[in-house]
Amino acid sequence: MLDALLITIFMLAGAGLGFYGLDLLPPTVTQGANVEGARIVTSGFGVLAGLVLGSIVRWSYRRFEANVRSLPPDVLITRSVGLVIGLVIANLAMAPVYLLPLPQELNNFIEPLASVFFSLSFAYLGVSLADTHGPSLLRLFNPNYALQVALWAEGNVVAASAKVLDTSSIIDGRLAQLIETGFLEGTLVVPRFVLAELQTIADKADAQKRERGRKGLDTLQALRQDYPERFVIHETDYPDLATVDDKLVRLTQTVGGTLLTTDFNLKKVAMVQNVKVLNVNELAEALRPLYIAGDSLDIKITREGKEPGQGVGYLDDGTMVVVEEGQRSLGKTRSVVVTSAIQTSAGRMIFARLNSAAAPTSSTPPVKA
């Protein structure tokens, strides 16, 4: 919205300058000419020039904004202070120029030139000195600043980024456990448009979707009660973006945070746009215990496998274990030896064989259909 407004202002200014600029020309130039037609032509050129100039200004502004957002807070504060001090000194330095006994015509030329020169010079000097002596200034207000800077430089202290929650991560339900165990740090940002999407899901006619939406709203209510100092509802919306996923990516870029989701496709889209993403499913997959050939484990064989004689069981985390010659132990908990493990698109799969040296740990008769 701001970009369109900025370009529109430049286009209107160009049109006005082209339309009324002919009045500044000497009458001899426009004498006998079609002034009204010329105004239309110059206005058109003014609109085009305004469009080009507005686009350049918009690009420069966005680049400046990105550079400012990338600055650490301490650098931003010290540079701002240095800039203000430099401009104040520049105004003080201009006082002798105003007192010079020069002709009025010469003063009208020197004073604006000197004002621009002093402002740019002292502003640059103030920013440069802030980069050099800024840490000393901050130590006056925070004696522990030097220790914090040293830890940051060594990589020992990294500020926790804000976590922007999407609808899938809220409905998933494991978010509260991650926060409770301390594995998820930083401010929890819930966009208003995500709340609206959850409410829409909770009002669905489909019972399953309605239950998922209500589960997500209950999760947010619990988080707000348990962690009020970390829970923030962000009111920003982006009417120019059509989908919630696009809005989430834009908001995460704006706040400089990390997007929390269980949506694999959203993660890919966000990573293409250089947005940090935490996928809860990938975290759960990474935390699953690793088994290598030769490891022993106890598994309850719950059903037959695809191949003759195979039995299938599941670990507590849902990993499927295919046991050779396990069909005859259907319904029993047996000790097995891992022969291999593979990673598939559906998750990790383990292949094992019965451990003939171990006796069954429990027995349950198979249930016949």
Protein backbone atom coordinates (compact mmCIF):
# COMPACT_ATOMS: atom_id res chain seq x y z
CA MET A 1 0.00 0.00 0.00
CA LEU A 2 2.81 2.40 0.91
CA ASP A 3 4.68 1.60 -2.30
CA ALA A 4 1.63 2.33 -4.47
CA LEU A 5 0.94 5.57 -2.58
CA LEU A 6 4.55 6.72 -2.97
CA ILE A 7 4.60 6.07 -6.73
CA THR A 8 1.18 7.70 -7.15
CA ILE A 9 2.40 10.87 -5.40
CA PHE A 10 5.38 11.11 -7.76
CA MET A 11 3.15 10.53 -10.80
CA LEU A 12 0.73 13.26 -9.69
CA ALA A 13 3.62 15.61 -9.01
CA GLY A 14 5.04 14.88 -12.46
CA ALA A 15 1.66 15.47 -14.09
CA GLY A 16 1.24 18.78 -12.25
CA LEU A 17 4.74 19.91 -13.13
CA GLY A 18 4.18 19.04 -16.78
CA PHE A 19 0.80 20.76 -16.87
CA TYR A 20 1.77 24.02 -15.16
CA GLY A 21 5.39 24.06 -16.26
CA LEU A 22 4.49 25.77 -19.49
CA ASP A 23 3.50 28.85 -17.48
CA LEU A 24 7.13 29.29 -16.50
CA LEU A 25 8.25 29.63 -20.11
CA PRO A 26 8.62 33.07 -21.71
CA PRO A 27 5.49 34.19 -23.58
CA THR A 28 7.45 34.35 -26.83
CA VAL A 29 8.05 30.60 -26.69
CA THR A 30 4.36 29.69 -26.39
CA GLN A 31 3.04 32.41 -28.65
CA GLY A 32 1.02 30.93 -31.47
CA ALA A 33 1.37 27.37 -30.12
CA ASN A 34 -1.42 25.00 -29.09
CA VAL A 35 -0.86 25.45 -25.35
CA GLU A 36 -3.69 23.16 -24.26
CA GLY A 37 -2.42 20.29 -26.42
CA ALA A 38 1.12 20.91 -25.23
CA ARG A 39 -0.08 20.74 -21.62
CA ILE A 40 -1.54 17.28 -22.25
CA VAL A 41 1.71 16.07 -23.84
CA THR A 42 3.94 17.49 -21.09
CA SER A 43 1.58 16.09 -18.44
CA GLY A 44 1.94 12.63 -20.00
CA PHE A 45 5.71 12.89 -20.01
CA GLY A 46 5.53 14.14 -16.43
CA VAL A 47 3.52 11.07 -15.39
CA LEU A 48 6.09 8.75 -17.01
CA ALA A 49 8.96 10.62 -15.38
CA GLY A 50 7.16 10.48 -12.03
CA LEU A 51 6.62 6.73 -12.44
CA VAL A 52 10.33 6.15 -13.10
CA LEU A 53 11.49 8.47 -10.33
CA GLY A 54 8.92 7.05 -7.88
CA SER A 55 10.07 3.50 -8.63
CA ILE A 56 13.69 4.50 -8.00
CA VAL A 57 12.76 6.19 -4.71
CA ARG A 58 10.68 3.18 -3.68
CA TRP A 59 13.56 0.79 -4.43
CA SER A 60 15.99 3.02 -2.51
CA TYR A 61 13.61 3.25 0.44
CA ARG A 62 13.07 -0.52 0.60
CA ARG A 63 16.82 -1.14 0.41
CA PHE A 64 17.42 1.40 3.17
CA GLU A 65 14.67 -0.21 5.26
CA ALA A 66 16.21 -3.67 4.80
CA ASN A 67 19.63 -2.38 5.85
CA VAL A 68 18.18 -0.73 8.95
CA ARG A 69 16.30 -3.91 9.91
CA SER A 70 19.49 -5.95 9.61
CA LEU A 71 21.39 -3.71 12.04
CA PRO A 72 21.85 -4.98 15.62
CA PRO A 73 19.91 -2.92 18.19
CA ASP A 74 23.06 -1.54 19.84
CA VAL A 75 24.44 -0.30 16.50
CA LEU A 76 21.08 1.23 15.56
CA ILE A 77 20.87 3.12 18.87
CA THR A 78 24.44 4.46 18.80
CA ARG A 79 24.21 5.53 15.15
CA SER A 80 20.93 7.32 15.78
CA VAL A 81 22.45 9.20 18.73
CA GLY A 82 25.54 10.05 16.68
CA LEU A 83 23.38 11.31 13.79
CA VAL A 84 21.33 13.58 16.06
CA ILE A 85 24.42 14.99 17.76
CA GLY A 86 26.08 15.58 14.38
CA LEU A 87 23.05 17.52 13.07
CA VAL A 88 22.91 19.63 16.25
CA ILE A 89 26.60 20.53 15.86
CA ALA A 90 25.99 21.32 12.19
CA ASN A 91 23.28 23.85 13.13
CA LEU A 92 25.60 25.44 15.69
CA ALA A 93 28.40 25.64 13.12
CA MET A 94 26.08 27.47 10.73
CA ALA A 95 25.68 30.42 13.14
CA PRO A 96 28.92 32.20 12.05
CA VAL A 97 27.90 31.86 8.40
CA TYR A 98 24.68 33.76 9.04
CA LEU A 99 26.67 36.56 10.71
CA LEU A 100 29.05 37.13 7.82
CA PRO A 101 28.68 40.69 6.39
CA LEU A 102 28.13 39.58 2.83
CA PRO A 103 25.82 41.00 0.15
CA GLN A 104 22.31 39.61 0.18
CA GLU A 105 22.70 38.01 -3.25
CA LEU A 106 25.84 36.20 -2.11
CA ASN A 107 24.19 35.14 1.16
CA ASN A 108 21.29 33.61 -0.75
CA PHE A 109 23.82 31.40 -2.54
CA ILE A 110 26.26 30.59 0.31
CA GLU A 111 23.82 29.88 3.15
CA PRO A 112 21.95 26.91 1.52
CA LEU A 113 25.22 25.51 0.22
CA ALA A 114 26.91 25.80 3.61
CA SER A 115 23.85 24.32 5.35
CA VAL A 116 23.91 21.21 3.15
CA PHE A 117 27.69 20.89 3.50
CA PHE A 118 27.74 21.17 7.30
CA SER A 119 24.71 18.87 7.73
CA LEU A 120 26.18 16.08 5.58
CA SER A 121 29.68 16.42 7.02
CA PHE A 122 28.73 16.43 10.69
CA ALA A 123 26.02 13.76 10.23
CA TYR A 124 28.59 11.42 8.66
CA LEU A 125 31.11 12.31 11.37
CA GLY A 126 28.54 11.58 14.10
CA VAL A 127 27.68 8.15 12.65
CA SER A 128 31.38 7.29 12.21
CA LEU A 129 32.20 8.25 15.80
CA ALA A 130 29.20 6.26 17.01
CA ASP A 131 30.57 3.13 15.31
CA THR A 132 33.94 3.72 16.98
CA HIS A 133 32.91 4.83 20.46
CA GLY A 134 29.35 3.47 20.63
CA PRO A 135 30.24 0.57 22.98
CA SER A 136 31.79 3.03 25.44
CA LEU A 137 28.59 5.07 25.39
CA LEU A 138 26.43 2.01 26.02
CA ARG A 139 28.65 0.93 28.92
CA LEU A 140 27.72 4.16 30.69
CA PHE A 141 24.10 2.98 30.81
CA ASN A 142 24.73 -0.77 31.07
CA PRO A 143 27.93 -1.87 32.84
CA ASN A 144 27.38 -5.47 31.68
CA TYR A 145 27.30 -4.47 28.02
CA ALA A 146 30.97 -5.34 27.44
CA LEU A 147 30.41 -8.88 28.74
CA GLN A 148 27.33 -9.31 26.58
CA VAL A 149 29.16 -8.10 23.46
CA ALA A 150 32.02 -10.50 24.15
CA LEU A 151 29.62 -13.41 24.49
CA TRP A 152 27.80 -12.44 21.30
CA ALA A 153 31.08 -12.17 19.43
CA GLU A 154 32.09 -15.65 20.59
CA GLY A 155 28.70 -17.05 19.60
CA ASN A 156 27.87 -18.02 23.19
CA VAL A 157 24.78 -15.84 23.43
CA VAL A 158 22.22 -15.64 20.64
CA ALA A 159 18.98 -13.76 21.13
CA ALA A 160 15.92 -15.95 20.69
CA SER A 161 13.90 -14.92 17.66
CA ALA A 162 10.15 -14.47 17.75
CA LYS A 163 8.20 -17.57 16.70
CA VAL A 164 5.34 -16.90 14.27
CA LEU A 165 2.75 -19.69 14.65
CA ASP A 166 0.75 -20.95 11.71
CA THR A 167 -2.57 -22.77 11.86
CA SER A 168 -1.12 -26.27 11.41
CA SER A 169 1.36 -25.92 14.29
CA ILE A 170 -1.38 -24.70 16.63
CA ILE A 171 -3.78 -27.53 15.74
CA ASP A 172 -0.96 -30.09 15.95
CA GLY A 173 -0.98 -29.91 19.76
CA ARG A 174 2.70 -30.62 20.40
CA LEU A 175 3.51 -26.92 20.60
CA ALA A 176 2.56 -26.67 24.27
CA GLN A 177 4.87 -29.58 25.16
CA LEU A 178 7.80 -27.97 23.35
CA ILE A 179 7.29 -24.73 25.27
CA GLU A 180 6.76 -26.51 28.59
CA THR A 181 9.99 -28.48 28.27
CA GLY A 182 11.93 -25.32 27.35
CA PHE A 183 12.92 -26.38 23.83
CA LEU A 184 11.05 -23.47 22.25
CA GLU A 185 12.22 -19.99 23.25
CA GLY A 186 11.29 -16.46 22.26
CA THR A 187 8.03 -14.57 21.88
CA LEU A 188 5.05 -16.48 20.47
CA VAL A 189 3.45 -14.37 17.73
CA VAL A 190 -0.07 -15.35 16.65
CA PRO A 191 -1.32 -13.29 13.69
CA ARG A 192 -4.90 -12.09 13.77
CA PHE A 193 -5.56 -13.70 10.36
CA VAL A 194 -4.50 -17.09 11.79
CA LEU A 195 -7.04 -16.65 14.58
CA ALA A 196 -9.68 -15.90 11.94
CA GLU A 197 -8.73 -19.05 10.03
CA LEU A 198 -8.97 -21.14 13.19
CA GLN A 199 -12.40 -19.71 13.93
CA THR A 200 -13.51 -20.50 10.36
CA ILE A 201 -12.35 -24.10 10.77
CA ALA A 202 -14.08 -24.37 14.16
CA ASP A 203 -17.36 -23.25 12.54
CA LYS A 204 -17.22 -25.86 9.76
CA ALA A 205 -20.11 -28.23 9.29
CA ASP A 206 -17.72 -31.18 9.04
CA ALA A 207 -17.34 -32.63 12.55
CA GLN A 208 -13.68 -33.59 12.14
CA LYS A 209 -12.63 -30.15 10.90
CA ARG A 210 -14.74 -28.48 13.57
CA GLU A 211 -12.98 -30.51 16.25
CA ARG A 212 -9.55 -29.59 14.88
CA GLY A 213 -10.42 -25.90 14.90
CA ARG A 214 -11.68 -26.02 18.48
CA LYS A 215 -8.57 -27.92 19.53
CA GLY A 216 -6.42 -25.14 18.07
CA LEU A 217 -8.40 -22.43 19.88
CA ASP A 218 -8.13 -24.36 23.16
CA THR A 219 -4.37 -24.65 22.66
CA LEU A 220 -4.04 -20.89 22.18
CA GLN A 221 -6.17 -20.20 25.23
CA ALA A 222 -3.95 -22.46 27.34
CA LEU A 223 -0.77 -20.82 26.01
CA ARG A 224 -2.12 -17.36 26.76
CA GLN A 225 -2.93 -18.34 30.33
CA ASP A 226 0.34 -20.17 31.01
CA TYR A 227 2.74 -17.79 29.20
CA PRO A 228 1.09 -14.33 29.15
CA GLU A 229 4.45 -12.54 29.00
CA ARG A 230 5.46 -14.42 25.84
CA PHE A 231 2.11 -14.54 24.03
CA VAL A 232 1.43 -11.76 21.48
CA ILE A 233 -1.46 -11.38 19.02
CA HIS A 234 -0.21 -9.47 15.97
CA GLU A 235 -2.85 -7.23 14.41
CA THR A 236 -1.08 -6.66 11.08
CA ASP A 237 -2.89 -7.86 7.98
CA TYR A 238 -1.91 -7.75 4.33
CA PRO A 239 -4.97 -7.11 2.15
CA ASP A 240 -2.84 -7.25 -0.99
CA LEU A 241 -2.00 -10.92 -0.30
CA ALA A 242 -4.64 -13.52 -1.05
CA THR A 243 -3.55 -16.55 1.02
CA VAL A 244 -2.74 -17.03 4.68
CA ASP A 245 0.57 -18.70 3.76
CA ASP A 246 1.72 -15.61 1.87
CA LYS A 247 0.73 -13.41 4.81
CA LEU A 248 2.65 -15.64 7.22
CA VAL A 249 5.82 -15.40 5.14
CA ARG A 250 5.48 -11.62 4.86
CA LEU A 251 4.86 -11.20 8.60
CA THR A 252 7.82 -13.41 9.50
CA GLN A 253 10.05 -11.32 7.26
CA THR A 254 8.69 -8.13 8.81
CA VAL A 255 9.29 -9.11 12.44
CA GLY A 256 12.56 -10.88 11.64
CA GLY A 257 11.31 -14.04 13.34
CA THR A 258 11.05 -17.76 12.68
CA LEU A 259 8.00 -19.46 11.18
CA LEU A 260 6.73 -22.47 13.15
CA THR A 261 4.72 -24.96 11.11
CA THR A 262 4.03 -28.60 10.30
CA ASP A 263 3.19 -27.81 6.66
CA PHE A 264 5.95 -29.19 4.43
CA ASN A 265 4.94 -27.12 1.38
CA LEU A 266 4.80 -23.89 3.40
CA LYS A 267 8.29 -24.60 4.68
CA LYS A 268 9.61 -24.95 1.12
CA VAL A 269 7.95 -21.70 0.02
CA ALA A 270 9.29 -19.84 3.05
CA MET A 271 12.83 -21.14 2.63
CA VAL A 272 12.88 -19.99 -1.00
CA GLN A 273 12.24 -16.47 0.35
CA ASN A 274 15.04 -16.79 2.95
CA VAL A 275 12.67 -17.14 5.90
CA LYS A 276 13.75 -19.26 8.87
CA VAL A 277 11.38 -22.19 9.44
CA LEU A 278 10.97 -24.72 12.25
CA ASN A 279 9.00 -27.82 11.26
CA VAL A 280 7.63 -29.71 14.26
CA ASN A 281 7.39 -32.95 12.27
CA GLU A 282 11.07 -32.76 11.32
CA LEU A 283 11.96 -32.14 14.96
CA ALA A 284 10.00 -35.22 16.02
CA GLU A 285 11.69 -37.24 13.28
CA ALA A 286 15.12 -36.07 14.39
CA LEU A 287 14.40 -37.06 18.01
CA ARG A 288 13.50 -40.63 17.16
CA PRO A 289 16.07 -43.14 18.47
CA LEU A 290 18.50 -44.44 15.86
CA TYR A 291 18.89 -48.18 15.48
CA ILE A 292 21.74 -49.80 13.59
CA ALA A 293 22.34 -53.39 12.54
CA GLY A 294 22.95 -55.58 15.57
CA ASP A 295 20.85 -53.57 18.06
CA SER A 296 18.26 -55.50 20.06
CA LEU A 297 14.81 -54.30 21.02
CA ASP A 298 11.50 -55.65 22.22
CA ILE A 299 8.57 -55.26 19.88
CA LYS A 300 4.98 -56.47 19.92
CA ILE A 301 4.08 -58.00 16.57
CA THR A 302 0.59 -56.74 15.82
CA ARG A 303 -0.10 -57.81 12.23
CA GLU A 304 1.18 -59.75 9.25
CA GLY A 305 3.59 -58.24 6.76
CA LYS A 306 3.28 -58.00 3.00
CA GLU A 307 5.71 -60.84 2.36
CA PRO A 308 5.00 -64.41 3.50
CA GLY A 309 6.15 -65.09 7.04
CA GLN A 310 6.72 -61.42 7.93
CA GLY A 311 5.32 -59.78 11.03
CA VAL A 312 4.94 -56.04 11.68
CA GLY A 313 5.17 -54.10 14.91
CA TYR A 314 5.48 -50.44 15.88
CA LEU A 315 7.71 -48.54 18.27
CA ASP A 316 6.27 -45.96 20.66
CA ASP A 317 7.11 -43.14 18.23
CA GLY A 318 5.27 -44.88 15.38
CA THR A 319 8.29 -46.33 13.57
CA MET A 320 7.33 -49.50 11.72
CA VAL A 321 9.41 -52.62 12.38
CA VAL A 322 9.23 -55.48 9.85
CA VAL A 323 10.25 -58.78 11.47
CA GLU A 324 11.38 -61.76 9.38
CA GLU A 325 9.57 -64.98 10.32
CA GLY A 326 7.50 -62.91 12.74
CA GLN A 327 4.11 -64.09 11.54
CA ARG A 328 4.13 -67.06 13.87
CA SER A 329 4.62 -64.70 16.83
CA LEU A 330 1.58 -62.59 16.00
CA GLY A 331 0.21 -60.96 19.16
CA LYS A 332 3.40 -61.63 21.15
CA THR A 333 6.12 -59.29 22.35
CA ARG A 334 9.43 -60.69 21.14
CA SER A 335 13.06 -59.65 21.27
CA VAL A 336 14.36 -58.89 17.79
CA VAL A 337 17.72 -57.97 16.29
CA VAL A 338 17.90 -55.08 13.82
CA THR A 339 19.25 -56.09 10.42
CA SER A 340 18.83 -52.76 8.58
CA ALA A 341 16.98 -49.43 8.65
CA ILE A 342 15.87 -47.22 5.78
CA GLN A 343 14.39 -43.73 5.50
CA THR A 344 11.29 -43.40 3.32
CA SER A 345 9.02 -40.48 2.47
CA ALA A 346 6.56 -41.81 5.06
CA GLY A 347 9.20 -42.07 7.80
CA ARG A 348 11.84 -44.46 9.07
CA MET A 349 11.40 -48.23 8.61
CA ILE A 350 13.35 -50.90 10.49
CA PHE A 351 13.94 -54.49 9.37
CA ALA A 352 14.71 -57.09 12.01
CA ARG A 353 14.79 -60.82 12.71
CA LEU A 354 13.74 -62.78 15.76
CA ASN A 355 16.34 -63.08 18.48
CA SER A 356 16.42 -66.83 18.91
CA ALA A 357 18.53 -66.56 22.06
CA ALA A 358 15.83 -64.63 23.96
CA ALA A 359 12.52 -65.95 25.23
CA PRO A 360 9.24 -64.12 24.59
CA THR A 361 8.66 -61.37 27.16
CA SER A 362 4.89 -61.68 27.02
CA SER A 363 2.26 -63.49 25.08
CA THR A 364 -1.15 -62.48 23.90
CA PRO A 365 -3.26 -64.83 21.78
CA PRO A 366 -3.88 -63.42 18.33
CA VAL A 367 -7.36 -62.07 17.80
CA LYS A 368 -9.18 -63.75 14.97
CA ALA A 369 -11.57 -61.73 12.92
